[in-house]
Amino acid sequence: MTERNGKRKTRGQFSKRRVPELGYYFIVTDAKVTEQNYMLGLRDSIPKELQGKLVIKVSKVKTAELIDEALNLTSLHPQYTEPWIVFDRDQVKGFDEIIALASGRGINVGWSNPCIEIWFSAYFGKMPSYLDSVACCHGFEETYAHVVGQEYKKTDKDIYFKLCCFGNERKALALAKQKFDGHSMGHKTKPSDMCPATTLYILVEEIKNKIERR
């Protein structure tokens, strides 16, 4: 089993840590509208009475400063919160160090390498290897246009709905886990070396599973 920040745990340890009740999730991302729209779509997909438990905050700060933003938010309701920061590998300096620091301070990390479009690609059944985020975005644009019949726009407010409508979220979760586990079994321990990979699937799967078990 995989822990939220990418570390391996036994099935017994993992099941004990999981809480079936959907608590408050504070999800902090940087000033990228793509991540924001996806997260807002995820929030809007759950029952209305629970939507207030997913707090999405977009901070116009450097990626490394997202940790402090998340800690400030969770200090409001520390006994109920699940803090997450979400960002891409892209050109972020100190990518691995930020993830390690966040983990050490109790913050979960939804990272994507090379960019969030690799997670979007999983909805359509594949996670190709790309050298960088530019190639990844271009590859996803072609796939999206072919499957959806529309031009992909990073500012699309309906991106989550379209991914679920034209793709398959459950298969995306399974594929992302398979890719991540494959890197781990290949003894790649640094997130920057795990490409293609994402840990966003852990966040999405946990939220959806908790709702289904209500």
N, C-alpha and C. Protein backbone atom coordinates (compact mmCIF):
# COMPACT_ATOMS: atom_id res chain seq x y z
N MET A 1 0.84 -1.19 0.00
CA MET A 1 0.00 0.00 0.00
C MET A 1 0.88 1.25 0.00
N THR A 2 0.32 2.36 -0.47
CA THR A 2 1.09 3.59 -0.61
C THR A 2 0.57 4.66 0.32
N GLU A 3 1.45 5.30 1.06
CA GLU A 3 1.08 6.40 1.92
C GLU A 3 0.93 7.66 1.08
N ARG A 4 0.27 8.68 1.60
CA ARG A 4 -0.05 9.86 0.81
C ARG A 4 1.17 10.54 0.22
N ASN A 5 2.28 10.52 0.91
CA ASN A 5 3.46 11.21 0.43
C ASN A 5 4.40 10.30 -0.34
N GLY A 6 3.94 9.09 -0.63
CA GLY A 6 4.71 8.21 -1.50
C GLY A 6 5.44 7.09 -0.80
N LYS A 7 5.39 7.02 0.52
CA LYS A 7 6.10 5.98 1.24
C LYS A 7 5.26 4.71 1.31
N ARG A 8 5.92 3.58 1.37
CA ARG A 8 5.23 2.31 1.42
C ARG A 8 4.85 1.95 2.86
N LYS A 9 3.64 1.39 3.03
CA LYS A 9 3.22 0.92 4.34
C LYS A 9 2.59 -0.45 4.16
N THR A 10 2.57 -1.24 5.24
CA THR A 10 1.91 -2.53 5.16
C THR A 10 0.40 -2.30 5.11
N ARG A 11 -0.33 -3.31 4.63
CA ARG A 11 -1.78 -3.17 4.53
C ARG A 11 -2.41 -2.92 5.90
N GLY A 12 -1.88 -3.57 6.92
CA GLY A 12 -2.42 -3.38 8.26
C GLY A 12 -2.21 -1.98 8.78
N GLN A 13 -1.01 -1.43 8.57
CA GLN A 13 -0.72 -0.08 9.01
C GLN A 13 -1.60 0.93 8.29
N PHE A 14 -1.77 0.70 7.00
CA PHE A 14 -2.53 1.65 6.19
C PHE A 14 -4.00 1.66 6.60
N SER A 15 -4.57 0.46 6.81
CA SER A 15 -5.98 0.39 7.14
C SER A 15 -6.27 1.02 8.50
N LYS A 16 -5.33 0.92 9.42
CA LYS A 16 -5.53 1.52 10.73
C LYS A 16 -5.51 3.04 10.66
N ARG A 17 -4.75 3.59 9.72
CA ARG A 17 -4.61 5.04 9.63
C ARG A 17 -5.80 5.67 8.91
N ARG A 18 -6.47 4.89 8.06
CA ARG A 18 -7.59 5.42 7.30
C ARG A 18 -8.78 5.67 8.21
N VAL A 19 -9.46 6.79 8.00
CA VAL A 19 -10.63 7.13 8.78
C VAL A 19 -11.83 7.16 7.84
N PRO A 20 -12.84 6.31 8.05
CA PRO A 20 -13.97 6.25 7.12
C PRO A 20 -14.79 7.53 7.07
N GLU A 21 -14.79 8.30 8.14
CA GLU A 21 -15.54 9.55 8.18
C GLU A 21 -14.83 10.61 7.34
N LEU A 22 -15.59 11.32 6.51
CA LEU A 22 -15.01 12.40 5.71
C LEU A 22 -14.85 13.62 6.57
N GLY A 23 -13.62 13.94 6.96
CA GLY A 23 -13.36 15.12 7.76
C GLY A 23 -13.14 16.31 6.84
N TYR A 24 -12.60 17.37 7.39
CA TYR A 24 -12.33 18.56 6.59
C TYR A 24 -11.00 18.42 5.87
N TYR A 25 -11.03 18.66 4.58
CA TYR A 25 -9.82 18.64 3.76
C TYR A 25 -9.49 20.07 3.36
N PHE A 26 -8.31 20.51 3.73
CA PHE A 26 -7.83 21.81 3.28
C PHE A 26 -6.80 21.56 2.20
N ILE A 27 -7.16 21.90 0.98
CA ILE A 27 -6.31 21.64 -0.18
C ILE A 27 -5.78 22.97 -0.70
N VAL A 28 -4.47 23.14 -0.61
CA VAL A 28 -3.84 24.39 -1.02
C VAL A 28 -3.01 24.16 -2.27
N THR A 29 -3.22 24.96 -3.27
CA THR A 29 -2.43 24.88 -4.49
C THR A 29 -1.90 26.25 -4.84
N ASP A 30 -0.96 26.30 -5.78
CA ASP A 30 -0.40 27.58 -6.16
C ASP A 30 -1.32 28.27 -7.17
N ALA A 31 -0.87 29.34 -7.76
CA ALA A 31 -1.75 30.18 -8.59
C ALA A 31 -1.93 29.61 -10.00
N LYS A 32 -2.12 28.31 -10.13
CA LYS A 32 -2.35 27.69 -11.42
C LYS A 32 -3.83 27.35 -11.54
N VAL A 33 -4.48 27.96 -12.50
CA VAL A 33 -5.92 27.81 -12.64
C VAL A 33 -6.31 26.38 -12.98
N THR A 34 -5.43 25.62 -13.62
CA THR A 34 -5.74 24.24 -13.99
C THR A 34 -6.00 23.40 -12.75
N GLU A 35 -5.08 23.46 -11.80
CA GLU A 35 -5.24 22.70 -10.55
C GLU A 35 -6.47 23.17 -9.79
N GLN A 36 -6.68 24.48 -9.78
CA GLN A 36 -7.83 25.03 -9.07
C GLN A 36 -9.13 24.51 -9.65
N ASN A 37 -9.27 24.55 -10.96
CA ASN A 37 -10.51 24.11 -11.59
C ASN A 37 -10.76 22.62 -11.38
N TYR A 38 -9.70 21.83 -11.43
CA TYR A 38 -9.87 20.40 -11.21
C TYR A 38 -10.34 20.14 -9.79
N MET A 39 -9.72 20.79 -8.81
CA MET A 39 -10.08 20.58 -7.42
C MET A 39 -11.49 21.06 -7.12
N LEU A 40 -11.87 22.18 -7.69
CA LEU A 40 -13.23 22.68 -7.49
C LEU A 40 -14.25 21.72 -8.11
N GLY A 41 -13.89 21.13 -9.24
CA GLY A 41 -14.76 20.15 -9.86
C GLY A 41 -14.90 18.91 -9.01
N LEU A 42 -13.80 18.48 -8.41
CA LEU A 42 -13.83 17.33 -7.49
C LEU A 42 -14.75 17.64 -6.32
N ARG A 43 -14.62 18.82 -5.77
CA ARG A 43 -15.48 19.22 -4.65
C ARG A 43 -16.96 19.21 -5.05
N ASP A 44 -17.26 19.77 -6.21
CA ASP A 44 -18.65 19.87 -6.66
C ASP A 44 -19.25 18.53 -7.04
N SER A 45 -18.42 17.49 -7.17
CA SER A 45 -18.91 16.17 -7.57
C SER A 45 -19.45 15.37 -6.38
N ILE A 46 -19.16 15.82 -5.17
CA ILE A 46 -19.60 15.08 -3.99
C ILE A 46 -20.93 15.65 -3.51
N PRO A 47 -21.65 14.93 -2.66
CA PRO A 47 -22.95 15.42 -2.18
C PRO A 47 -22.86 16.84 -1.62
N LYS A 48 -23.88 17.63 -1.89
CA LYS A 48 -23.87 19.05 -1.51
C LYS A 48 -23.63 19.26 -0.02
N GLU A 49 -24.20 18.36 0.79
CA GLU A 49 -24.06 18.54 2.23
C GLU A 49 -22.63 18.32 2.72
N LEU A 50 -21.77 17.75 1.85
CA LEU A 50 -20.39 17.50 2.23
C LEU A 50 -19.40 18.43 1.54
N GLN A 51 -19.88 19.21 0.59
CA GLN A 51 -18.97 20.05 -0.19
C GLN A 51 -18.21 21.07 0.66
N GLY A 52 -18.82 21.48 1.75
CA GLY A 52 -18.16 22.43 2.63
C GLY A 52 -16.96 21.83 3.36
N LYS A 53 -16.81 20.50 3.28
CA LYS A 53 -15.69 19.85 3.95
C LYS A 53 -14.43 19.82 3.08
N LEU A 54 -14.56 20.24 1.82
CA LEU A 54 -13.40 20.37 0.95
C LEU A 54 -13.14 21.84 0.72
N VAL A 55 -12.15 22.36 1.39
CA VAL A 55 -11.81 23.77 1.27
C VAL A 55 -10.63 23.91 0.30
N ILE A 56 -10.86 24.59 -0.81
CA ILE A 56 -9.83 24.77 -1.83
C ILE A 56 -9.30 26.18 -1.74
N LYS A 57 -8.02 26.33 -1.54
CA LYS A 57 -7.42 27.66 -1.45
C LYS A 57 -6.30 27.78 -2.47
N VAL A 58 -6.37 28.82 -3.27
CA VAL A 58 -5.32 29.11 -4.25
C VAL A 58 -4.48 30.26 -3.71
N SER A 59 -3.20 30.00 -3.53
CA SER A 59 -2.31 31.01 -2.97
C SER A 59 -1.29 31.46 -4.00
N LYS A 60 -1.20 32.74 -4.18
CA LYS A 60 -0.22 33.29 -5.13
C LYS A 60 1.13 33.44 -4.43
N VAL A 61 1.68 32.30 -4.06
CA VAL A 61 2.97 32.28 -3.37
C VAL A 61 3.87 31.27 -4.08
N LYS A 62 5.13 31.28 -3.72
CA LYS A 62 6.04 30.28 -4.26
C LYS A 62 5.63 28.91 -3.73
N THR A 63 5.93 27.89 -4.51
CA THR A 63 5.51 26.54 -4.15
C THR A 63 5.96 26.16 -2.75
N ALA A 64 7.17 26.51 -2.37
CA ALA A 64 7.69 26.15 -1.06
C ALA A 64 6.88 26.78 0.07
N GLU A 65 6.20 27.89 -0.21
CA GLU A 65 5.42 28.58 0.81
C GLU A 65 4.03 27.99 0.99
N LEU A 66 3.66 27.03 0.14
CA LEU A 66 2.36 26.38 0.28
C LEU A 66 2.25 25.64 1.60
N ILE A 67 3.37 25.18 2.13
CA ILE A 67 3.36 24.44 3.39
C ILE A 67 2.84 25.32 4.52
N ASP A 68 3.36 26.54 4.61
CA ASP A 68 2.90 27.46 5.66
C ASP A 68 1.43 27.82 5.48
N GLU A 69 1.00 27.96 4.21
CA GLU A 69 -0.40 28.27 3.95
C GLU A 69 -1.29 27.14 4.47
N ALA A 70 -0.88 25.91 4.21
CA ALA A 70 -1.67 24.76 4.66
C ALA A 70 -1.70 24.68 6.18
N LEU A 71 -0.58 24.93 6.82
CA LEU A 71 -0.52 24.88 8.28
C LEU A 71 -1.40 25.96 8.91
N ASN A 72 -1.44 27.13 8.29
CA ASN A 72 -2.28 28.20 8.80
C ASN A 72 -3.75 27.83 8.73
N LEU A 73 -4.14 27.20 7.63
CA LEU A 73 -5.53 26.79 7.47
C LEU A 73 -5.92 25.70 8.47
N THR A 74 -5.06 24.70 8.61
CA THR A 74 -5.40 23.58 9.48
C THR A 74 -5.39 23.94 10.95
N SER A 75 -4.73 25.05 11.30
CA SER A 75 -4.72 25.47 12.70
C SER A 75 -6.11 25.87 13.18
N LEU A 76 -7.02 26.13 12.24
CA LEU A 76 -8.39 26.52 12.60
C LEU A 76 -9.18 25.34 13.16
N HIS A 77 -8.96 24.14 12.59
CA HIS A 77 -9.68 22.95 13.03
C HIS A 77 -8.71 21.76 13.03
N PRO A 78 -7.71 21.79 13.87
CA PRO A 78 -6.66 20.77 13.82
C PRO A 78 -7.12 19.34 14.06
N GLN A 79 -8.20 19.16 14.82
CA GLN A 79 -8.64 17.81 15.14
C GLN A 79 -9.43 17.15 14.01
N TYR A 80 -9.83 17.93 13.02
CA TYR A 80 -10.66 17.38 11.96
C TYR A 80 -10.03 17.42 10.57
N THR A 81 -8.93 18.10 10.42
CA THR A 81 -8.46 18.43 9.09
C THR A 81 -7.48 17.44 8.48
N GLU A 82 -7.53 17.38 7.16
CA GLU A 82 -6.58 16.63 6.34
C GLU A 82 -5.92 17.67 5.43
N PRO A 83 -4.73 18.15 5.77
CA PRO A 83 -4.09 19.19 4.95
C PRO A 83 -3.35 18.60 3.75
N TRP A 84 -3.53 19.22 2.59
CA TRP A 84 -2.86 18.81 1.37
C TRP A 84 -2.32 20.04 0.65
N ILE A 85 -1.19 19.88 0.00
CA ILE A 85 -0.73 20.86 -0.97
C ILE A 85 -0.62 20.15 -2.31
N VAL A 86 -0.96 20.86 -3.37
CA VAL A 86 -1.00 20.27 -4.71
C VAL A 86 -0.16 21.12 -5.66
N PHE A 87 0.80 20.48 -6.32
CA PHE A 87 1.62 21.20 -7.29
C PHE A 87 2.31 20.24 -8.25
N ASP A 88 2.85 20.81 -9.33
CA ASP A 88 3.53 20.04 -10.38
C ASP A 88 5.03 20.04 -10.18
N ARG A 89 5.68 19.04 -10.78
CA ARG A 89 7.14 19.04 -10.86
C ARG A 89 7.61 20.21 -11.70
N ASP A 90 7.14 20.28 -12.94
CA ASP A 90 7.41 21.38 -13.86
C ASP A 90 8.84 21.88 -13.69
N GLN A 91 9.00 23.17 -13.36
CA GLN A 91 10.33 23.74 -13.16
C GLN A 91 10.58 24.11 -11.69
N VAL A 92 9.85 23.47 -10.79
CA VAL A 92 9.97 23.80 -9.37
C VAL A 92 11.34 23.42 -8.84
N LYS A 93 12.01 24.37 -8.23
CA LYS A 93 13.32 24.11 -7.62
C LYS A 93 13.10 23.49 -6.24
N GLY A 94 13.91 22.50 -5.92
CA GLY A 94 13.79 21.85 -4.62
C GLY A 94 12.53 21.01 -4.50
N PHE A 95 12.09 20.43 -5.61
CA PHE A 95 10.86 19.63 -5.65
C PHE A 95 10.85 18.54 -4.57
N ASP A 96 11.89 17.74 -4.54
CA ASP A 96 11.97 16.65 -3.56
C ASP A 96 12.03 17.17 -2.14
N GLU A 97 12.76 18.24 -1.95
CA GLU A 97 12.92 18.81 -0.61
C GLU A 97 11.60 19.35 -0.06
N ILE A 98 10.82 19.98 -0.94
CA ILE A 98 9.52 20.52 -0.52
C ILE A 98 8.60 19.39 -0.07
N ILE A 99 8.58 18.31 -0.83
CA ILE A 99 7.74 17.17 -0.49
C ILE A 99 8.16 16.56 0.84
N ALA A 100 9.47 16.41 1.04
CA ALA A 100 9.98 15.84 2.29
C ALA A 100 9.66 16.75 3.48
N LEU A 101 9.82 18.05 3.29
CA LEU A 101 9.53 19.01 4.36
C LEU A 101 8.05 18.98 4.72
N ALA A 102 7.20 18.93 3.70
CA ALA A 102 5.76 18.89 3.95
C ALA A 102 5.39 17.63 4.74
N SER A 103 5.93 16.49 4.33
CA SER A 103 5.66 15.24 5.01
C SER A 103 6.10 15.30 6.47
N GLY A 104 7.25 15.90 6.70
CA GLY A 104 7.77 16.02 8.06
C GLY A 104 6.93 16.91 8.95
N ARG A 105 6.15 17.78 8.33
CA ARG A 105 5.31 18.71 9.10
C ARG A 105 3.83 18.31 9.07
N GLY A 106 3.59 17.08 8.62
CA GLY A 106 2.23 16.56 8.66
C GLY A 106 1.33 17.00 7.52
N ILE A 107 1.93 17.45 6.42
CA ILE A 107 1.18 17.89 5.25
C ILE A 107 1.25 16.83 4.17
N ASN A 108 0.12 16.44 3.63
CA ASN A 108 0.07 15.51 2.51
C ASN A 108 0.34 16.25 1.21
N VAL A 109 0.94 15.56 0.25
CA VAL A 109 1.32 16.22 -1.00
C VAL A 109 0.72 15.49 -2.20
N GLY A 110 -0.02 16.23 -3.01
CA GLY A 110 -0.52 15.72 -4.27
C GLY A 110 0.35 16.27 -5.39
N TRP A 111 1.44 15.58 -5.71
CA TRP A 111 2.36 16.08 -6.72
C TRP A 111 2.18 15.30 -8.03
N SER A 112 2.53 15.96 -9.12
CA SER A 112 2.49 15.32 -10.44
C SER A 112 3.80 15.58 -11.15
N ASN A 113 4.32 14.54 -11.77
CA ASN A 113 5.58 14.65 -12.50
C ASN A 113 5.39 14.08 -13.91
N PRO A 114 5.45 14.92 -14.97
CA PRO A 114 5.98 16.28 -14.95
C PRO A 114 4.94 17.36 -14.66
N CYS A 115 3.64 17.09 -14.87
CA CYS A 115 2.61 18.10 -14.62
C CYS A 115 1.26 17.41 -14.44
N ILE A 116 0.26 18.17 -14.06
CA ILE A 116 -1.04 17.59 -13.73
C ILE A 116 -1.69 16.92 -14.93
N GLU A 117 -1.29 17.30 -16.13
CA GLU A 117 -1.86 16.68 -17.32
C GLU A 117 -1.53 15.19 -17.41
N ILE A 118 -0.49 14.75 -16.71
CA ILE A 118 -0.20 13.32 -16.71
C ILE A 118 -1.27 12.57 -15.93
N TRP A 119 -1.81 13.20 -14.90
CA TRP A 119 -2.93 12.63 -14.16
C TRP A 119 -4.20 12.67 -15.00
N PHE A 120 -4.40 13.76 -15.72
CA PHE A 120 -5.56 13.85 -16.61
C PHE A 120 -5.51 12.75 -17.67
N SER A 121 -4.32 12.47 -18.17
CA SER A 121 -4.16 11.44 -19.20
C SER A 121 -4.62 10.08 -18.70
N ALA A 122 -4.45 9.83 -17.40
CA ALA A 122 -4.84 8.55 -16.83
C ALA A 122 -6.34 8.29 -16.98
N TYR A 123 -7.14 9.36 -17.00
CA TYR A 123 -8.57 9.20 -17.18
C TYR A 123 -8.89 8.59 -18.55
N PHE A 124 -7.99 8.78 -19.49
CA PHE A 124 -8.18 8.25 -20.84
C PHE A 124 -7.37 6.98 -21.07
N GLY A 125 -6.89 6.40 -19.97
CA GLY A 125 -6.30 5.07 -20.05
C GLY A 125 -4.82 4.98 -20.33
N LYS A 126 -4.08 6.09 -20.24
CA LYS A 126 -2.64 5.99 -20.47
C LYS A 126 -1.89 7.10 -19.73
N MET A 127 -0.66 6.77 -19.37
CA MET A 127 0.25 7.74 -18.75
C MET A 127 1.60 7.62 -19.45
N PRO A 128 1.74 8.25 -20.61
CA PRO A 128 2.98 8.13 -21.39
C PRO A 128 4.16 8.80 -20.70
N SER A 129 5.35 8.42 -21.11
CA SER A 129 6.57 9.04 -20.58
C SER A 129 6.88 10.28 -21.41
N TYR A 130 7.00 11.40 -20.73
CA TYR A 130 7.34 12.66 -21.38
C TYR A 130 8.60 13.24 -20.73
N LEU A 131 9.38 13.96 -21.51
CA LEU A 131 10.61 14.53 -21.00
C LEU A 131 10.36 15.72 -20.08
N ASP A 132 9.31 16.48 -20.38
CA ASP A 132 9.03 17.68 -19.58
C ASP A 132 7.54 18.03 -19.66
N SER A 133 7.16 19.09 -18.96
CA SER A 133 5.76 19.48 -18.90
C SER A 133 5.23 19.99 -20.24
N VAL A 134 6.10 20.59 -21.04
CA VAL A 134 5.67 21.10 -22.35
C VAL A 134 5.23 19.93 -23.23
N ALA A 135 6.06 18.90 -23.28
CA ALA A 135 5.72 17.71 -24.08
C ALA A 135 4.49 17.01 -23.52
N CYS A 136 4.35 16.99 -22.20
CA CYS A 136 3.22 16.35 -21.56
C CYS A 136 1.92 17.07 -21.92
N CYS A 137 1.93 18.38 -21.83
CA CYS A 137 0.74 19.17 -22.16
C CYS A 137 0.36 18.99 -23.62
N HIS A 138 1.36 19.00 -24.49
CA HIS A 138 1.10 18.84 -25.92
C HIS A 138 0.51 17.46 -26.20
N GLY A 139 1.05 16.43 -25.57
CA GLY A 139 0.54 15.08 -25.77
C GLY A 139 -0.89 14.95 -25.27
N PHE A 140 -1.17 15.55 -24.13
CA PHE A 140 -2.52 15.48 -23.59
C PHE A 140 -3.50 16.25 -24.46
N GLU A 141 -3.07 17.39 -24.99
CA GLU A 141 -3.92 18.17 -25.89
C GLU A 141 -4.39 17.34 -27.07
N GLU A 142 -3.48 16.55 -27.63
CA GLU A 142 -3.83 15.71 -28.77
C GLU A 142 -4.81 14.61 -28.37
N THR A 143 -4.55 13.98 -27.23
CA THR A 143 -5.44 12.93 -26.75
C THR A 143 -6.82 13.49 -26.43
N TYR A 144 -6.85 14.61 -25.75
CA TYR A 144 -8.11 15.25 -25.35
C TYR A 144 -8.95 15.60 -26.57
N ALA A 145 -8.32 16.19 -27.57
CA ALA A 145 -9.04 16.58 -28.78
C ALA A 145 -9.63 15.35 -29.48
N HIS A 146 -8.87 14.27 -29.47
CA HIS A 146 -9.33 13.04 -30.12
C HIS A 146 -10.50 12.41 -29.38
N VAL A 147 -10.41 12.37 -28.05
CA VAL A 147 -11.43 11.70 -27.25
C VAL A 147 -12.66 12.58 -27.04
N VAL A 148 -12.44 13.83 -26.68
CA VAL A 148 -13.54 14.73 -26.32
C VAL A 148 -14.12 15.45 -27.55
N GLY A 149 -13.27 15.65 -28.55
CA GLY A 149 -13.73 16.38 -29.73
C GLY A 149 -13.70 17.87 -29.56
N GLN A 150 -12.94 18.33 -28.56
CA GLN A 150 -12.81 19.75 -28.28
C GLN A 150 -11.34 20.09 -28.03
N GLU A 151 -11.03 21.37 -28.15
CA GLU A 151 -9.69 21.82 -27.83
C GLU A 151 -9.51 21.87 -26.31
N TYR A 152 -8.39 21.36 -25.85
CA TYR A 152 -8.11 21.41 -24.41
C TYR A 152 -7.66 22.81 -24.01
N LYS A 153 -8.29 23.34 -22.97
CA LYS A 153 -7.92 24.64 -22.43
C LYS A 153 -7.61 24.50 -20.95
N LYS A 154 -6.46 24.98 -20.54
CA LYS A 154 -6.05 24.85 -19.15
C LYS A 154 -6.96 25.63 -18.22
N THR A 155 -7.75 26.56 -18.77
CA THR A 155 -8.65 27.39 -17.96
C THR A 155 -10.07 26.83 -17.92
N ASP A 156 -10.28 25.64 -18.46
CA ASP A 156 -11.62 25.05 -18.53
C ASP A 156 -12.15 24.75 -17.13
N LYS A 157 -13.24 25.41 -16.74
CA LYS A 157 -13.81 25.21 -15.42
C LYS A 157 -14.52 23.86 -15.29
N ASP A 158 -14.80 23.22 -16.42
CA ASP A 158 -15.50 21.94 -16.39
C ASP A 158 -14.56 20.76 -16.62
N ILE A 159 -13.26 20.96 -16.41
CA ILE A 159 -12.30 19.91 -16.74
C ILE A 159 -12.56 18.63 -15.94
N TYR A 160 -12.90 18.74 -14.68
CA TYR A 160 -13.13 17.52 -13.90
C TYR A 160 -14.33 16.75 -14.45
N PHE A 161 -15.41 17.47 -14.74
CA PHE A 161 -16.61 16.83 -15.27
C PHE A 161 -16.32 16.15 -16.60
N LYS A 162 -15.57 16.79 -17.47
CA LYS A 162 -15.28 16.23 -18.79
C LYS A 162 -14.38 15.01 -18.69
N LEU A 163 -13.42 15.04 -17.78
CA LEU A 163 -12.55 13.88 -17.59
C LEU A 163 -13.36 12.67 -17.14
N CYS A 164 -14.30 12.90 -16.23
CA CYS A 164 -15.12 11.80 -15.73
C CYS A 164 -16.14 11.34 -16.77
N CYS A 165 -16.64 12.28 -17.56
CA CYS A 165 -17.66 11.97 -18.55
C CYS A 165 -17.09 11.18 -19.73
N PHE A 166 -15.94 11.63 -20.23
CA PHE A 166 -15.34 11.00 -21.41
C PHE A 166 -14.28 9.95 -21.06
N GLY A 167 -13.85 9.96 -19.79
CA GLY A 167 -12.85 9.00 -19.35
C GLY A 167 -13.41 8.10 -18.27
N ASN A 168 -12.52 7.49 -17.50
CA ASN A 168 -12.92 6.55 -16.46
C ASN A 168 -12.07 6.80 -15.22
N GLU A 169 -12.69 7.36 -14.18
CA GLU A 169 -11.93 7.73 -12.99
C GLU A 169 -11.39 6.51 -12.25
N ARG A 170 -12.18 5.46 -12.14
CA ARG A 170 -11.72 4.27 -11.41
C ARG A 170 -10.51 3.65 -12.10
N LYS A 171 -10.54 3.59 -13.42
CA LYS A 171 -9.40 3.05 -14.15
C LYS A 171 -8.20 4.00 -14.03
N ALA A 172 -8.46 5.29 -13.97
CA ALA A 172 -7.38 6.26 -13.79
C ALA A 172 -6.68 6.05 -12.45
N LEU A 173 -7.47 5.80 -11.41
CA LEU A 173 -6.90 5.56 -10.09
C LEU A 173 -6.03 4.31 -10.10
N ALA A 174 -6.53 3.26 -10.74
CA ALA A 174 -5.77 2.01 -10.79
C ALA A 174 -4.49 2.17 -11.60
N LEU A 175 -4.56 2.90 -12.71
CA LEU A 175 -3.38 3.10 -13.55
C LEU A 175 -2.33 3.93 -12.84
N ALA A 176 -2.76 5.00 -12.17
CA ALA A 176 -1.81 5.86 -11.46
C ALA A 176 -1.12 5.10 -10.34
N LYS A 177 -1.88 4.26 -9.64
CA LYS A 177 -1.28 3.44 -8.58
C LYS A 177 -0.28 2.45 -9.17
N GLN A 178 -0.64 1.85 -10.29
CA GLN A 178 0.25 0.89 -10.95
C GLN A 178 1.57 1.56 -11.34
N LYS A 179 1.48 2.75 -11.90
CA LYS A 179 2.68 3.48 -12.31
C LYS A 179 3.54 3.83 -11.09
N PHE A 180 2.89 4.31 -10.03
CA PHE A 180 3.63 4.70 -8.84
C PHE A 180 4.32 3.48 -8.22
N ASP A 181 3.59 2.40 -8.09
CA ASP A 181 4.16 1.19 -7.50
C ASP A 181 5.30 0.65 -8.36
N GLY A 182 5.18 0.81 -9.68
CA GLY A 182 6.24 0.36 -10.57
C GLY A 182 7.54 1.10 -10.33
N HIS A 183 7.43 2.41 -10.11
CA HIS A 183 8.63 3.19 -9.80
C HIS A 183 9.22 2.74 -8.46
N SER A 184 8.35 2.53 -7.48
CA SER A 184 8.82 2.13 -6.16
C SER A 184 9.53 0.78 -6.21
N MET A 185 8.97 -0.16 -6.94
CA MET A 185 9.60 -1.47 -7.06
C MET A 185 10.90 -1.40 -7.86
N GLY A 186 11.03 -0.35 -8.65
CA GLY A 186 12.28 -0.12 -9.38
C GLY A 186 13.29 0.66 -8.57
N HIS A 187 13.00 0.81 -7.26
CA HIS A 187 13.90 1.45 -6.30
C HIS A 187 14.11 2.94 -6.59
N LYS A 188 13.09 3.57 -7.17
CA LYS A 188 13.13 5.02 -7.32
C LYS A 188 12.43 5.62 -6.11
N THR A 189 13.18 6.35 -5.32
CA THR A 189 12.64 6.89 -4.08
C THR A 189 12.37 8.39 -4.14
N LYS A 190 12.99 9.08 -5.08
CA LYS A 190 12.78 10.52 -5.22
C LYS A 190 11.62 10.79 -6.18
N PRO A 191 10.65 11.62 -5.76
CA PRO A 191 9.55 11.96 -6.66
C PRO A 191 10.02 12.53 -8.00
N SER A 192 11.13 13.27 -7.98
CA SER A 192 11.64 13.86 -9.22
C SER A 192 12.11 12.79 -10.20
N ASP A 193 12.44 11.60 -9.69
CA ASP A 193 12.87 10.49 -10.55
C ASP A 193 11.70 9.64 -11.02
N MET A 194 10.54 9.85 -10.42
CA MET A 194 9.36 9.06 -10.77
C MET A 194 8.57 9.79 -11.87
N CYS A 195 8.81 9.44 -13.09
CA CYS A 195 8.13 10.09 -14.20
C CYS A 195 7.85 9.06 -15.29
N PRO A 196 6.58 8.91 -15.68
CA PRO A 196 5.41 9.67 -15.23
C PRO A 196 4.86 9.13 -13.91
N ALA A 197 4.37 10.04 -13.07
CA ALA A 197 3.79 9.62 -11.79
C ALA A 197 3.02 10.77 -11.18
N THR A 198 2.12 10.43 -10.29
CA THR A 198 1.35 11.43 -9.55
C THR A 198 0.85 10.80 -8.26
N THR A 199 0.68 11.61 -7.23
CA THR A 199 0.05 11.12 -5.99
C THR A 199 -1.33 11.73 -5.81
N LEU A 200 -1.82 12.44 -6.81
CA LEU A 200 -3.17 12.99 -6.73
C LEU A 200 -4.21 11.87 -6.64
N TYR A 201 -3.88 10.72 -7.19
CA TYR A 201 -4.82 9.61 -7.14
C TYR A 201 -5.12 9.21 -5.70
N ILE A 202 -4.17 9.38 -4.81
CA ILE A 202 -4.37 9.00 -3.41
C ILE A 202 -5.43 9.89 -2.78
N LEU A 203 -5.34 11.19 -3.05
CA LEU A 203 -6.31 12.15 -2.53
C LEU A 203 -7.70 11.87 -3.08
N VAL A 204 -7.81 11.72 -4.39
CA VAL A 204 -9.11 11.49 -5.02
C VAL A 204 -9.73 10.18 -4.55
N GLU A 205 -8.93 9.13 -4.51
CA GLU A 205 -9.43 7.82 -4.10
C GLU A 205 -9.91 7.83 -2.65
N GLU A 206 -9.17 8.49 -1.79
CA GLU A 206 -9.56 8.53 -0.38
C GLU A 206 -10.88 9.25 -0.19
N ILE A 207 -11.05 10.39 -0.85
CA ILE A 207 -12.29 11.15 -0.73
C ILE A 207 -13.47 10.35 -1.26
N LYS A 208 -13.31 9.79 -2.45
CA LYS A 208 -14.41 9.03 -3.05
C LYS A 208 -14.75 7.78 -2.24
N ASN A 209 -13.76 7.10 -1.73
CA ASN A 209 -14.02 5.89 -0.95
C ASN A 209 -14.75 6.22 0.36
N LYS A 210 -14.38 7.32 0.99
CA LYS A 210 -15.04 7.69 2.24
C LYS A 210 -16.51 8.04 2.00
N ILE A 211 -16.78 8.67 0.87
CA ILE A 211 -18.15 9.03 0.56
C ILE A 211 -18.98 7.79 0.25
N GLU A 212 -18.39 6.85 -0.49
CA GLU A 212 -19.11 5.63 -0.85
C GLU A 212 -19.42 4.77 0.37
N ARG A 213 -18.60 4.88 1.41
CA ARG A 213 -18.80 4.05 2.61
C ARG A 213 -19.73 4.69 3.63
N ARG A 214 -20.25 5.87 3.32
CA ARG A 214 -21.16 6.55 4.25
C ARG A 214 -22.43 5.72 4.49
